[in-house]
Amino acid sequence: MDRQIRVLVANRPKLMREVIIDTIVDQPDITIVGEVSEEGEILSRVEETHPDILFIALSDEQERPAVCEMILRSHPDVSILAVAEHSNQTMRYWASFDIHSSVMDASRDAILSAIRSRTVVRGEA
């Protein structure tokens, strides 16, 4: 059997959590690893359960929930699905990073310069 997709459901209100759980509970490749009722508990439950997918609430204004940044900074492998309670809207949030490169001289001075300026280079695009 393929690897199970681990899902943590932290959407509010409880009715929305129940709808989400009912939607996915019978899927053979998905395991529900937990349910969270309080937003303040989400990070600790993510750390305990290591979900692949986290369901959270999306405001009607469709602004990115503040919890997204907190979760994705410490757990960039989690994909977040935010579901709006009053509108037919769902957003997916995930983390990614870019790998940058630059051509440099193959000399001792260039290598030492790159080592010493590592923090400066990291901030450049």
PDB file of N, CA and C in Angstrom:
ATOM      1  N   MET A   1       0.838  -1.178   0.000  1.00  0.00           N
ATOM      2  CA  MET A   1       0.000   0.000   0.000  1.00  0.00           C
ATOM      3  C   MET A   1       0.887   1.247   0.000  1.00  0.00           C
ATOM      4  N   ASP A   2       0.447   2.285  -0.692  1.00  0.00           N
ATOM      5  CA  ASP A   2       1.167   3.550  -0.724  1.00  0.00           C
ATOM      6  C   ASP A   2       1.118   4.219   0.643  1.00  0.00           C
ATOM      7  N   ARG A   3       1.998   5.177   0.813  1.00  0.00           N
ATOM      8  CA  ARG A   3       2.059   5.940   2.059  1.00  0.00           C
ATOM      9  C   ARG A   3       0.738   6.672   2.288  1.00  0.00           C
ATOM     10  N   GLN A   4       0.274   6.650   3.517  1.00  0.00           N
ATOM     11  CA  GLN A   4      -0.961   7.332   3.893  1.00  0.00           C
ATOM     12  C   GLN A   4      -0.745   8.844   3.966  1.00  0.00           C
ATOM     13  N   ILE A   5      -1.729   9.592   3.526  1.00  0.00           N
ATOM     14  CA  ILE A   5      -1.724  11.047   3.653  1.00  0.00           C
ATOM     15  C   ILE A   5      -2.295  11.372   5.021  1.00  0.00           C
ATOM     16  N   ARG A   6      -1.509  12.050   5.831  1.00  0.00           N
ATOM     17  CA  ARG A   6      -1.885  12.359   7.205  1.00  0.00           C
ATOM     18  C   ARG A   6      -2.556  13.731   7.252  1.00  0.00           C
ATOM     19  N   VAL A   7      -3.776  13.783   7.799  1.00  0.00           N
ATOM     20  CA  VAL A   7      -4.562  15.013   7.815  1.00  0.00           C
ATOM     21  C   VAL A   7      -4.915  15.398   9.250  1.00  0.00           C
ATOM     22  N   LEU A   8      -4.680  16.667   9.563  1.00  0.00           N
ATOM     23  CA  LEU A   8      -5.098  17.255  10.839  1.00  0.00           C
ATOM     24  C   LEU A   8      -6.168  18.290  10.531  1.00  0.00           C
ATOM     25  N   VAL A   9      -7.306  18.208  11.204  1.00  0.00           N
ATOM     26  CA  VAL A   9      -8.430  19.102  10.938  1.00  0.00           C
ATOM     27  C   VAL A   9      -8.573  20.075  12.106  1.00  0.00           C
ATOM     28  N   ALA A  10      -8.333  21.362  11.822  1.00  0.00           N
ATOM     29  CA  ALA A  10      -8.393  22.388  12.864  1.00  0.00           C
ATOM     30  C   ALA A  10      -9.358  23.495  12.480  1.00  0.00           C
ATOM     31  N   ASN A  11     -10.292  23.205  11.627  1.00  0.00           N
ATOM     32  CA  ASN A  11     -11.223  24.219  11.156  1.00  0.00           C
ATOM     33  C   ASN A  11     -12.270  24.509  12.217  1.00  0.00           C
ATOM     34  N   ARG A  12     -12.681  25.772  12.293  1.00  0.00           N
ATOM     35  CA  ARG A  12     -13.756  26.167  13.191  1.00  0.00           C
ATOM     36  C   ARG A  12     -14.914  26.633  12.356  1.00  0.00           C
ATOM     37  N   PRO A  13     -16.109  26.455  12.675  1.00  0.00           N
ATOM     38  CA  PRO A  13     -16.649  25.831  13.869  1.00  0.00           C
ATOM     39  C   PRO A  13     -16.655  24.307  13.755  1.00  0.00           C
ATOM     40  N   LYS A  14     -17.139  23.671  14.794  1.00  0.00           N
ATOM     41  CA  LYS A  14     -17.159  22.212  14.852  1.00  0.00           C
ATOM     42  C   LYS A  14     -17.899  21.604  13.658  1.00  0.00           C
ATOM     43  N   LEU A  15     -18.976  22.235  13.222  1.00  0.00           N
ATOM     44  CA  LEU A  15     -19.728  21.717  12.078  1.00  0.00           C
ATOM     45  C   LEU A  15     -18.835  21.624  10.847  1.00  0.00           C
ATOM     46  N   MET A  16     -17.987  22.620  10.628  1.00  0.00           N
ATOM     47  CA  MET A  16     -17.079  22.585   9.471  1.00  0.00           C
ATOM     48  C   MET A  16     -16.074  21.447   9.617  1.00  0.00           C
ATOM     49  N   ARG A  17     -15.560  21.227  10.813  1.00  0.00           N
ATOM     50  CA  ARG A  17     -14.637  20.106  11.037  1.00  0.00           C
ATOM     51  C   ARG A  17     -15.334  18.794  10.701  1.00  0.00           C
ATOM     52  N   GLU A  18     -16.577  18.661  11.155  1.00  0.00           N
ATOM     53  CA  GLU A  18     -17.324  17.431  10.898  1.00  0.00           C
ATOM     54  C   GLU A  18     -17.563  17.216   9.409  1.00  0.00           C
ATOM     55  N   VAL A  19     -17.882  18.273   8.686  1.00  0.00           N
ATOM     56  CA  VAL A  19     -18.098  18.167   7.237  1.00  0.00           C
ATOM     57  C   VAL A  19     -16.801  17.726   6.546  1.00  0.00           C
ATOM     58  N   ILE A  20     -15.697  18.335   6.922  1.00  0.00           N
ATOM     59  CA  ILE A  20     -14.405  17.974   6.322  1.00  0.00           C
ATOM     60  C   ILE A  20     -14.067  16.521   6.630  1.00  0.00           C
ATOM     61  N   ILE A  21     -14.218  16.131   7.881  1.00  0.00           N
ATOM     62  CA  ILE A  21     -13.912  14.751   8.273  1.00  0.00           C
ATOM     63  C   ILE A  21     -14.816  13.780   7.534  1.00  0.00           C
ATOM     64  N   ASP A  22     -16.111  14.064   7.456  1.00  0.00           N
ATOM     65  CA  ASP A  22     -17.037  13.188   6.725  1.00  0.00           C
ATOM     66  C   ASP A  22     -16.657  13.069   5.252  1.00  0.00           C
ATOM     67  N   THR A  23     -16.096  14.135   4.693  1.00  0.00           N
ATOM     68  CA  THR A  23     -15.711  14.130   3.283  1.00  0.00           C
ATOM     69  C   THR A  23     -14.529  13.199   3.015  1.00  0.00           C
ATOM     70  N   ILE A  24     -13.622  13.092   3.963  1.00  0.00           N
ATOM     71  CA  ILE A  24     -12.382  12.338   3.692  1.00  0.00           C
ATOM     72  C   ILE A  24     -12.221  11.042   4.471  1.00  0.00           C
ATOM     73  N   VAL A  25     -13.070  10.788   5.448  1.00  0.00           N
ATOM     74  CA  VAL A  25     -12.874   9.659   6.351  1.00  0.00           C
ATOM     75  C   VAL A  25     -12.859   8.301   5.631  1.00  0.00           C
ATOM     76  N   ASP A  26     -13.598   8.147   4.561  1.00  0.00           N
ATOM     77  CA  ASP A  26     -13.678   6.861   3.864  1.00  0.00           C
ATOM     78  C   ASP A  26     -12.612   6.671   2.782  1.00  0.00           C
ATOM     79  N   GLN A  27     -11.729   7.624   2.636  1.00  0.00           N
ATOM     80  CA  GLN A  27     -10.697   7.525   1.604  1.00  0.00           C
ATOM     81  C   GLN A  27      -9.594   6.586   2.089  1.00  0.00           C
ATOM     82  N   PRO A  28      -9.294   5.540   1.336  1.00  0.00           N
ATOM     83  CA  PRO A  28      -8.328   4.539   1.815  1.00  0.00           C
ATOM     84  C   PRO A  28      -6.891   5.058   1.947  1.00  0.00           C
ATOM     85  N   ASP A  29      -6.559   6.131   1.262  1.00  0.00           N
ATOM     86  CA  ASP A  29      -5.185   6.641   1.305  1.00  0.00           C
ATOM     87  C   ASP A  29      -5.023   7.829   2.251  1.00  0.00           C
ATOM     88  N   ILE A  30      -6.075   8.144   3.019  1.00  0.00           N
ATOM     89  CA  ILE A  30      -6.040   9.299   3.919  1.00  0.00           C
ATOM     90  C   ILE A  30      -6.314   8.841   5.348  1.00  0.00           C
ATOM     91  N   THR A  31      -5.469   9.312   6.273  1.00  0.00           N
ATOM     92  CA  THR A  31      -5.646   9.036   7.688  1.00  0.00           C
ATOM     93  C   THR A  31      -5.833  10.352   8.427  1.00  0.00           C
ATOM     94  N   ILE A  32      -6.881  10.459   9.206  1.00  0.00           N
ATOM     95  CA  ILE A  32      -7.102  11.642  10.027  1.00  0.00           C
ATOM     96  C   ILE A  32      -6.327  11.434  11.324  1.00  0.00           C
ATOM     97  N   VAL A  33      -5.335  12.289  11.548  1.00  0.00           N
ATOM     98  CA  VAL A  33      -4.449  12.126  12.709  1.00  0.00           C
ATOM     99  C   VAL A  33      -4.886  12.958  13.906  1.00  0.00           C
ATOM    100  N   GLY A  34      -5.900  13.783  13.720  1.00  0.00           N
ATOM    101  CA  GLY A  34      -6.380  14.560  14.854  1.00  0.00           C
ATOM    102  C   GLY A  34      -7.339  15.650  14.457  1.00  0.00           C
ATOM    103  N   GLU A  35      -7.921  16.229  15.502  1.00  0.00           N
ATOM    104  CA  GLU A  35      -8.894  17.309  15.352  1.00  0.00           C
ATOM    105  C   GLU A  35      -8.569  18.349  16.417  1.00  0.00           C
ATOM    106  N   VAL A  36      -8.564  19.620  16.028  1.00  0.00           N
ATOM    107  CA  VAL A  36      -8.229  20.705  16.939  1.00  0.00           C
ATOM    108  C   VAL A  36      -9.389  21.686  16.974  1.00  0.00           C
ATOM    109  N   SER A  37      -9.825  22.045  18.179  1.00  0.00           N
ATOM    110  CA  SER A  37     -10.942  22.977  18.286  1.00  0.00           C
ATOM    111  C   SER A  37     -10.497  24.400  18.596  1.00  0.00           C
ATOM    112  N   GLU A  38      -9.297  24.582  19.124  1.00  0.00           N
ATOM    113  CA  GLU A  38      -8.806  25.908  19.490  1.00  0.00           C
ATOM    114  C   GLU A  38      -7.588  26.274  18.654  1.00  0.00           C
ATOM    115  N   GLU A  39      -7.595  27.462  18.064  1.00  0.00           N
ATOM    116  CA  GLU A  39      -6.486  27.891  17.205  1.00  0.00           C
ATOM    117  C   GLU A  39      -5.145  27.872  17.938  1.00  0.00           C
ATOM    118  N   GLY A  40      -5.139  28.196  19.209  1.00  0.00           N
ATOM    119  CA  GLY A  40      -3.908  28.217  19.986  1.00  0.00           C
ATOM    120  C   GLY A  40      -3.247  26.859  20.138  1.00  0.00           C
ATOM    121  N   GLU A  41      -3.953  25.804  19.838  1.00  0.00           N
ATOM    122  CA  GLU A  41      -3.424  24.442  19.958  1.00  0.00           C
ATOM    123  C   GLU A  41      -2.885  23.897  18.645  1.00  0.00           C
ATOM    124  N   ILE A  42      -3.059  24.629  17.560  1.00  0.00           N
ATOM    125  CA  ILE A  42      -2.713  24.088  16.243  1.00  0.00           C
ATOM    126  C   ILE A  42      -1.241  23.735  16.139  1.00  0.00           C
ATOM    127  N   LEU A  43      -0.340  24.642  16.496  1.00  0.00           N
ATOM    128  CA  LEU A  43       1.092  24.379  16.352  1.00  0.00           C
ATOM    129  C   LEU A  43       1.521  23.149  17.143  1.00  0.00           C
ATOM    130  N   SER A  44       1.085  23.041  18.382  1.00  0.00           N
ATOM    131  CA  SER A  44       1.491  21.877  19.180  1.00  0.00           C
ATOM    132  C   SER A  44       0.942  20.579  18.597  1.00  0.00           C
ATOM    133  N   ARG A  45      -0.272  20.623  18.053  1.00  0.00           N
ATOM    134  CA  ARG A  45      -0.845  19.413  17.437  1.00  0.00           C
ATOM    135  C   ARG A  45      -0.129  19.056  16.135  1.00  0.00           C
ATOM    136  N   VAL A  46       0.300  20.061  15.378  1.00  0.00           N
ATOM    137  CA  VAL A  46       1.093  19.797  14.174  1.00  0.00           C
ATOM    138  C   VAL A  46       2.397  19.121  14.575  1.00  0.00           C
ATOM    139  N   GLU A  47       3.034  19.635  15.631  1.00  0.00           N
ATOM    140  CA  GLU A  47       4.289  19.045  16.093  1.00  0.00           C
ATOM    141  C   GLU A  47       4.097  17.625  16.623  1.00  0.00           C
ATOM    142  N   GLU A  48       2.960  17.336  17.221  1.00  0.00           N
ATOM    143  CA  GLU A  48       2.662  15.993  17.747  1.00  0.00           C
ATOM    144  C   GLU A  48       2.308  14.997  16.648  1.00  0.00           C
ATOM    145  N   THR A  49       1.525  15.440  15.659  1.00  0.00           N
ATOM    146  CA  THR A  49       0.947  14.495  14.691  1.00  0.00           C
ATOM    147  C   THR A  49       1.658  14.439  13.345  1.00  0.00           C
ATOM    148  N   HIS A  50       2.472  15.450  13.016  1.00  0.00           N
ATOM    149  CA  HIS A  50       3.206  15.507  11.742  1.00  0.00           C
ATOM    150  C   HIS A  50       2.299  15.281  10.526  1.00  0.00           C
ATOM    151  N   PRO A  51       1.276  16.128  10.362  1.00  0.00           N
ATOM    152  CA  PRO A  51       0.367  15.933   9.228  1.00  0.00           C
ATOM    153  C   PRO A  51       1.003  16.356   7.901  1.00  0.00           C
ATOM    154  N   ASP A  52       0.490  15.797   6.828  1.00  0.00           N
ATOM    155  CA  ASP A  52       0.849  16.257   5.485  1.00  0.00           C
ATOM    156  C   ASP A  52      -0.048  17.434   5.100  1.00  0.00           C
ATOM    157  N   ILE A  53      -1.307  17.375   5.558  1.00  0.00           N
ATOM    158  CA  ILE A  53      -2.312  18.381   5.253  1.00  0.00           C
ATOM    159  C   ILE A  53      -2.906  18.888   6.565  1.00  0.00           C
ATOM    160  N   LEU A  54      -3.071  20.203   6.649  1.00  0.00           N
ATOM    161  CA  LEU A  54      -3.723  20.830   7.791  1.00  0.00           C
ATOM    162  C   LEU A  54      -4.907  21.632   7.262  1.00  0.00           C
ATOM    163  N   PHE A  55      -6.097  21.338   7.769  1.00  0.00           N
ATOM    164  CA  PHE A  55      -7.284  22.129   7.441  1.00  0.00           C
ATOM    165  C   PHE A  55      -7.460  23.193   8.511  1.00  0.00           C
ATOM    166  N   ILE A  56      -7.671  24.445   8.074  1.00  0.00           N
ATOM    167  CA  ILE A  56      -7.947  25.548   8.992  1.00  0.00           C
ATOM    168  C   ILE A  56      -9.101  26.368   8.419  1.00  0.00           C
ATOM    169  N   ALA A  57      -9.558  27.336   9.212  1.00  0.00           N
ATOM    170  CA  ALA A  57     -10.636  28.216   8.773  1.00  0.00           C
ATOM    171  C   ALA A  57     -10.075  29.367   7.951  1.00  0.00           C
ATOM    172  N   LEU A  58     -10.841  29.776   6.960  1.00  0.00           N
ATOM    173  CA  LEU A  58     -10.516  30.936   6.137  1.00  0.00           C
ATOM    174  C   LEU A  58     -11.573  31.993   6.406  1.00  0.00           C
ATOM    175  N   SER A  59     -11.126  33.221   6.679  1.00  0.00           N
ATOM    176  CA  SER A  59     -12.089  34.290   6.937  1.00  0.00           C
ATOM    177  C   SER A  59     -12.853  34.614   5.656  1.00  0.00           C
ATOM    178  N   ASP A  60     -13.976  35.235   5.809  1.00  0.00           N
ATOM    179  CA  ASP A  60     -14.777  35.615   4.646  1.00  0.00           C
ATOM    180  C   ASP A  60     -14.060  36.652   3.785  1.00  0.00           C
ATOM    181  N   GLU A  61     -13.108  37.379   4.383  1.00  0.00           N
ATOM    182  CA  GLU A  61     -12.330  38.354   3.622  1.00  0.00           C
ATOM    183  C   GLU A  61     -11.224  37.671   2.810  1.00  0.00           C
ATOM    184  N   GLN A  62     -11.061  36.382   3.015  1.00  0.00           N
ATOM    185  CA  GLN A  62     -10.092  35.549   2.298  1.00  0.00           C
ATOM    186  C   GLN A  62      -8.650  36.022   2.506  1.00  0.00           C
ATOM    187  N   GLU A  63      -8.396  36.643   3.641  1.00  0.00           N
ATOM    188  CA  GLU A  63      -7.035  37.010   3.988  1.00  0.00           C
ATOM    189  C   GLU A  63      -6.311  35.765   4.483  1.00  0.00           C
ATOM    190  N   ARG A  64      -5.014  35.713   4.211  1.00  0.00           N
ATOM    191  CA  ARG A  64      -4.244  34.561   4.677  1.00  0.00           C
ATOM    192  C   ARG A  64      -4.263  34.532   6.199  1.00  0.00           C
ATOM    193  N   PRO A  65      -4.707  33.431   6.779  1.00  0.00           N
ATOM    194  CA  PRO A  65      -4.731  33.324   8.238  1.00  0.00           C
ATOM    195  C   PRO A  65      -3.318  33.445   8.816  1.00  0.00           C
ATOM    196  N   ALA A  66      -3.204  34.153   9.934  1.00  0.00           N
ATOM    197  CA  ALA A  66      -1.903  34.377  10.565  1.00  0.00           C
ATOM    198  C   ALA A  66      -1.215  33.070  10.931  1.00  0.00           C
ATOM    199  N   VAL A  67      -1.984  32.058  11.253  1.00  0.00           N
ATOM    200  CA  VAL A  67      -1.404  30.779  11.653  1.00  0.00           C
ATOM    201  C   VAL A  67      -0.611  30.123  10.513  1.00  0.00           C
ATOM    202  N   CYS A  68      -0.910  30.488   9.268  1.00  0.00           N
ATOM    203  CA  CYS A  68      -0.199  29.904   8.119  1.00  0.00           C
ATOM    204  C   CYS A  68       1.301  30.162   8.205  1.00  0.00           C
ATOM    205  N   GLU A  69       1.676  31.405   8.439  1.00  0.00           N
ATOM    206  CA  GLU A  69       3.096  31.732   8.499  1.00  0.00           C
ATOM    207  C   GLU A  69       3.779  31.000   9.641  1.00  0.00           C
ATOM    208  N   MET A  70       3.149  30.963  10.784  1.00  0.00           N
ATOM    209  CA  MET A  70       3.727  30.275  11.937  1.00  0.00           C
ATOM    210  C   MET A  70       3.952  28.788  11.631  1.00  0.00           C
ATOM    211  N   ILE A  71       2.966  28.153  11.046  1.00  0.00           N
ATOM    212  CA  ILE A  71       3.075  26.724  10.738  1.00  0.00           C
ATOM    213  C   ILE A  71       4.106  26.483   9.642  1.00  0.00           C
ATOM    214  N   LEU A  72       4.019  27.230   8.549  1.00  0.00           N
ATOM    215  CA  LEU A  72       4.887  26.971   7.398  1.00  0.00           C
ATOM    216  C   LEU A  72       6.348  27.338   7.661  1.00  0.00           C
ATOM    217  N   ARG A  73       6.607  28.284   8.543  1.00  0.00           N
ATOM    218  CA  ARG A  73       8.004  28.589   8.891  1.00  0.00           C
ATOM    219  C   ARG A  73       8.654  27.438   9.653  1.00  0.00           C
ATOM    220  N   SER A  74       7.900  26.813  10.539  1.00  0.00           N
ATOM    221  CA  SER A  74       8.474  25.724  11.333  1.00  0.00           C
ATOM    222  C   SER A  74       8.219  24.340  10.734  1.00  0.00           C
ATOM    223  N   HIS A  75       7.254  24.250   9.834  1.00  0.00           N
ATOM    224  CA  HIS A  75       6.913  22.961   9.209  1.00  0.00           C
ATOM    225  C   HIS A  75       6.632  23.179   7.717  1.00  0.00           C
ATOM    226  N   PRO A  76       7.678  23.471   6.929  1.00  0.00           N
ATOM    227  CA  PRO A  76       7.460  23.806   5.516  1.00  0.00           C
ATOM    228  C   PRO A  76       6.946  22.652   4.663  1.00  0.00           C
ATOM    229  N   ASP A  77       6.951  21.458   5.202  1.00  0.00           N
ATOM    230  CA  ASP A  77       6.458  20.307   4.458  1.00  0.00           C
ATOM    231  C   ASP A  77       4.948  20.129   4.563  1.00  0.00           C
ATOM    232  N   VAL A  78       4.290  20.913   5.404  1.00  0.00           N
ATOM    233  CA  VAL A  78       2.838  20.821   5.576  1.00  0.00           C
ATOM    234  C   VAL A  78       2.148  21.669   4.506  1.00  0.00           C
ATOM    235  N   SER A  79       1.096  21.143   3.944  1.00  0.00           N
ATOM    236  CA  SER A  79       0.239  21.900   3.035  1.00  0.00           C
ATOM    237  C   SER A  79      -1.015  22.269   3.813  1.00  0.00           C
ATOM    238  N   ILE A  80      -1.415  23.536   3.727  1.00  0.00           N
ATOM    239  CA  ILE A  80      -2.563  24.019   4.496  1.00  0.00           C
ATOM    240  C   ILE A  80      -3.733  24.294   3.554  1.00  0.00           C
ATOM    241  N   LEU A  81      -4.880  23.726   3.895  1.00  0.00           N
ATOM    242  CA  LEU A  81      -6.111  23.998   3.158  1.00  0.00           C
ATOM    243  C   LEU A  81      -7.008  24.812   4.075  1.00  0.00           C
ATOM    244  N   ALA A  82      -7.304  26.037   3.664  1.00  0.00           N
ATOM    245  CA  ALA A  82      -8.143  26.933   4.454  1.00  0.00           C
ATOM    246  C   ALA A  82      -9.523  26.997   3.806  1.00  0.00           C
ATOM    247  N   VAL A  83     -10.541  26.663   4.588  1.00  0.00           N
ATOM    248  CA  VAL A  83     -11.913  26.578   4.092  1.00  0.00           C
ATOM    249  C   VAL A  83     -12.741  27.679   4.738  1.00  0.00           C
ATOM    250  N   ALA A  84     -13.445  28.450   3.903  1.00  0.00           N
ATOM    251  CA  ALA A  84     -14.318  29.512   4.406  1.00  0.00           C
ATOM    252  C   ALA A  84     -15.655  28.914   4.814  1.00  0.00           C
ATOM    253  N   GLU A  85     -16.137  29.364   5.945  1.00  0.00           N
ATOM    254  CA  GLU A  85     -17.395  28.849   6.481  1.00  0.00           C
ATOM    255  C   GLU A  85     -18.606  29.348   5.706  1.00  0.00           C
ATOM    256  N   HIS A  86     -18.611  30.625   5.306  1.00  0.00           N
ATOM    257  CA  HIS A  86     -19.811  31.226   4.725  1.00  0.00           C
ATOM    258  C   HIS A  86     -19.756  31.406   3.210  1.00  0.00           C
ATOM    259  N   SER A  87     -18.643  31.080   2.608  1.00  0.00           N
ATOM    260  CA  SER A  87     -18.557  31.218   1.152  1.00  0.00           C
ATOM    261  C   SER A  87     -18.000  29.935   0.562  1.00  0.00           C
ATOM    262  N   ASN A  88     -18.188  29.775  -0.681  1.00  0.00           N
ATOM    263  CA  ASN A  88     -17.723  28.583  -1.373  1.00  0.00           C
ATOM    264  C   ASN A  88     -16.270  28.803  -1.805  1.00  0.00           C
ATOM    265  N   GLN A  89     -15.387  28.954  -0.836  1.00  0.00           N
ATOM    266  CA  GLN A  89     -13.999  29.300  -1.124  1.00  0.00           C
ATOM    267  C   GLN A  89     -13.054  28.458  -0.274  1.00  0.00           C
ATOM    268  N   THR A  90     -12.042  27.926  -0.918  1.00  0.00           N
ATOM    269  CA  THR A  90     -10.964  27.213  -0.230  1.00  0.00           C
ATOM    270  C   THR A  90      -9.650  27.697  -0.811  1.00  0.00           C
ATOM    271  N   MET A  91      -8.681  27.929   0.057  1.00  0.00           N
ATOM    272  CA  MET A  91      -7.349  28.355  -0.370  1.00  0.00           C
ATOM    273  C   MET A  91      -6.347  27.296   0.069  1.00  0.00           C
ATOM    274  N   ARG A  92      -5.318  27.111  -0.760  1.00  0.00           N
ATOM    275  CA  ARG A  92      -4.225  26.208  -0.400  1.00  0.00           C
ATOM    276  C   ARG A  92      -2.981  27.046  -0.190  1.00  0.00           C
ATOM    277  N   TYR A  93      -2.281  26.798   0.920  1.00  0.00           N
ATOM    278  CA  TYR A  93      -1.042  27.497   1.235  1.00  0.00           C
ATOM    279  C   TYR A  93       0.062  26.459   1.408  1.00  0.00           C
ATOM    280  N   TRP A  94       1.250  26.774   0.895  1.00  0.00           N
ATOM    281  CA  TRP A  94       2.401  25.894   1.058  1.00  0.00           C
ATOM    282  C   TRP A  94       3.660  26.745   1.032  1.00  0.00           C
ATOM    283  N   ALA A  95       4.732  26.169   1.521  1.00  0.00           N
ATOM    284  CA  ALA A  95       6.013  26.877   1.556  1.00  0.00           C
ATOM    285  C   ALA A  95       6.902  26.353   0.440  1.00  0.00           C
ATOM    286  N   SER A  96       7.726  27.229  -0.064  1.00  0.00           N
ATOM    287  CA  SER A  96       8.722  26.828  -1.054  1.00  0.00           C
ATOM    288  C   SER A  96       9.936  27.719  -0.865  1.00  0.00           C
ATOM    289  N   PHE A  97      11.006  27.330  -1.459  1.00  0.00           N
ATOM    290  CA  PHE A  97      12.188  28.167  -1.403  1.00  0.00           C
ATOM    291  C   PHE A  97      12.872  28.128  -2.762  1.00  0.00           C
ATOM    292  N   ASP A  98      13.655  29.157  -3.021  1.00  0.00           N
ATOM    293  CA  ASP A  98      14.394  29.246  -4.272  1.00  0.00           C
ATOM    294  C   ASP A  98      15.859  28.962  -4.004  1.00  0.00           C
ATOM    295  N   ILE A  99      16.498  28.381  -4.969  1.00  0.00           N
ATOM    296  CA  ILE A  99      17.940  28.169  -4.903  1.00  0.00           C
ATOM    297  C   ILE A  99      18.575  29.162  -5.856  1.00  0.00           C
ATOM    298  N   HIS A 100      19.488  29.970  -5.353  1.00  0.00           N
ATOM    299  CA  HIS A 100      20.144  31.000  -6.150  1.00  0.00           C
ATOM    300  C   HIS A 100      21.568  30.572  -6.474  1.00  0.00           C
ATOM    301  N   SER A 101      22.108  31.132  -7.542  1.00  0.00           N
ATOM    302  CA  SER A 101      23.499  30.853  -7.894  1.00  0.00           C
ATOM    303  C   SER A 101      24.110  32.080  -8.544  1.00  0.00           C
ATOM    304  N   SER A 102      25.413  32.118  -8.514  1.00  0.00           N
ATOM    305  CA  SER A 102      26.146  33.167  -9.220  1.00  0.00           C
ATOM    306  C   SER A 102      27.500  32.603  -9.615  1.00  0.00           C
ATOM    307  N   VAL A 103      27.998  33.075 -10.739  1.00  0.00           N
ATOM    308  CA  VAL A 103      29.314  32.655 -11.207  1.00  0.00           C
ATOM    309  C   VAL A 103      30.346  33.416 -10.390  1.00  0.00           C
ATOM    310  N   MET A 104      31.373  32.695  -9.961  1.00  0.00           N
ATOM    311  CA  MET A 104      32.439  33.351  -9.209  1.00  0.00           C
ATOM    312  C   MET A 104      33.788  32.837  -9.678  1.00  0.00           C
ATOM    313  N   ASP A 105      34.782  33.606  -9.427  1.00  0.00           N
ATOM    314  CA  ASP A 105      36.148  33.259  -9.793  1.00  0.00           C
ATOM    315  C   ASP A 105      36.597  32.066  -8.952  1.00  0.00           C
ATOM    316  N   ALA A 106      37.338  31.159  -9.556  1.00  0.00           N
ATOM    317  CA  ALA A 106      37.816  29.968  -8.849  1.00  0.00           C
ATOM    318  C   ALA A 106      39.157  30.249  -8.179  1.00  0.00           C
ATOM    319  N   SER A 107      39.224  31.315  -7.406  1.00  0.00           N
ATOM    320  CA  SER A 107      40.468  31.672  -6.726  1.00  0.00           C
ATOM    321  C   SER A 107      40.279  31.605  -5.216  1.00  0.00           C
ATOM    322  N   ARG A 108      41.380  31.567  -4.521  1.00  0.00           N
ATOM    323  CA  ARG A 108      41.363  31.554  -3.062  1.00  0.00           C
ATOM    324  C   ARG A 108      40.636  32.786  -2.529  1.00  0.00           C
ATOM    325  N   ASP A 109      40.920  33.959  -3.064  1.00  0.00           N
ATOM    326  CA  ASP A 109      40.292  35.190  -2.592  1.00  0.00           C
ATOM    327  C   ASP A 109      38.785  35.185  -2.818  1.00  0.00           C
ATOM    328  N   ALA A 110      38.359  34.684  -3.956  1.00  0.00           N
ATOM    329  CA  ALA A 110      36.925  34.634  -4.252  1.00  0.00           C
ATOM    330  C   ALA A 110      36.206  33.677  -3.306  1.00  0.00           C
ATOM    331  N   ILE A 111      36.837  32.542  -3.033  1.00  0.00           N
ATOM    332  CA  ILE A 111      36.235  31.575  -2.115  1.00  0.00           C
ATOM    333  C   ILE A 111      36.149  32.155  -0.714  1.00  0.00           C
ATOM    334  N   LEU A 112      37.216  32.794  -0.240  1.00  0.00           N
ATOM    335  CA  LEU A 112      37.194  33.406   1.085  1.00  0.00           C
ATOM    336  C   LEU A 112      36.163  34.536   1.148  1.00  0.00           C
ATOM    337  N   SER A 113      36.054  35.293   0.094  1.00  0.00           N
ATOM    338  CA  SER A 113      35.069  36.365   0.042  1.00  0.00           C
ATOM    339  C   SER A 113      33.650  35.807   0.120  1.00  0.00           C
ATOM    340  N   ALA A 114      33.376  34.711  -0.594  1.00  0.00           N
ATOM    341  CA  ALA A 114      32.050  34.082  -0.571  1.00  0.00           C
ATOM    342  C   ALA A 114      31.723  33.551   0.818  1.00  0.00           C
ATOM    343  N   ILE A 115      32.720  32.989   1.488  1.00  0.00           N
ATOM    344  CA  ILE A 115      32.503  32.481   2.847  1.00  0.00           C
ATOM    345  C   ILE A 115      32.164  33.636   3.779  1.00  0.00           C
ATOM    346  N   ARG A 116      32.916  34.709   3.672  1.00  0.00           N
ATOM    347  CA  ARG A 116      32.725  35.838   4.580  1.00  0.00           C
ATOM    348  C   ARG A 116      31.453  36.635   4.281  1.00  0.00           C
ATOM    349  N   SER A 117      30.998  36.626   3.071  1.00  0.00           N
ATOM    350  CA  SER A 117      29.808  37.411   2.722  1.00  0.00           C
ATOM    351  C   SER A 117      28.554  36.546   2.618  1.00  0.00           C
ATOM    352  N   ARG A 118      28.610  35.365   3.164  1.00  0.00           N
ATOM    353  CA  ARG A 118      27.503  34.406   3.074  1.00  0.00           C
ATOM    354  C   ARG A 118      26.187  35.022   3.531  1.00  0.00           C
ATOM    355  N   THR A 119      26.176  35.758   4.608  1.00  0.00           N
ATOM    356  CA  THR A 119      24.920  36.341   5.091  1.00  0.00           C
ATOM    357  C   THR A 119      24.411  37.444   4.190  1.00  0.00           C
ATOM    358  N   VAL A 120      25.309  38.174   3.536  1.00  0.00           N
ATOM    359  CA  VAL A 120      24.901  39.221   2.602  1.00  0.00           C
ATOM    360  C   VAL A 120      24.311  38.589   1.358  1.00  0.00           C
ATOM    361  N   VAL A 121      24.985  37.595   0.821  1.00  0.00           N
ATOM    362  CA  VAL A 121      24.520  36.925  -0.397  1.00  0.00           C
ATOM    363  C   VAL A 121      23.172  36.268  -0.170  1.00  0.00           C
ATOM    364  N   ARG A 122      22.942  35.699   1.002  1.00  0.00           N
ATOM    365  CA  ARG A 122      21.698  34.996   1.295  1.00  0.00           C
ATOM    366  C   ARG A 122      20.498  35.919   1.155  1.00  0.00           C
ATOM    367  N   GLY A 123      20.666  37.183   1.472  1.00  0.00           N
ATOM    368  CA  GLY A 123      19.542  38.115   1.394  1.00  0.00           C
ATOM    369  C   GLY A 123      19.277  38.648   0.001  1.00  0.00           C
ATOM    370  N   GLU A 124      20.174  38.418  -0.940  1.00  0.00           N
ATOM    371  CA  GLU A 124      19.993  38.917  -2.298  1.00  0.00           C
ATOM    372  C   GLU A 124      19.093  37.995  -3.105  1.00  0.00           C
ATOM    373  N   ALA A 125      18.433  38.579  -4.091  1.00  0.00           N
ATOM    374  CA  ALA A 125      17.554  37.767  -4.961  1.00  0.00           C
ATOM    375  C   ALA A 125      18.299  37.320  -6.192  1.00  0.00           C
TER     376      ALA A 125
END
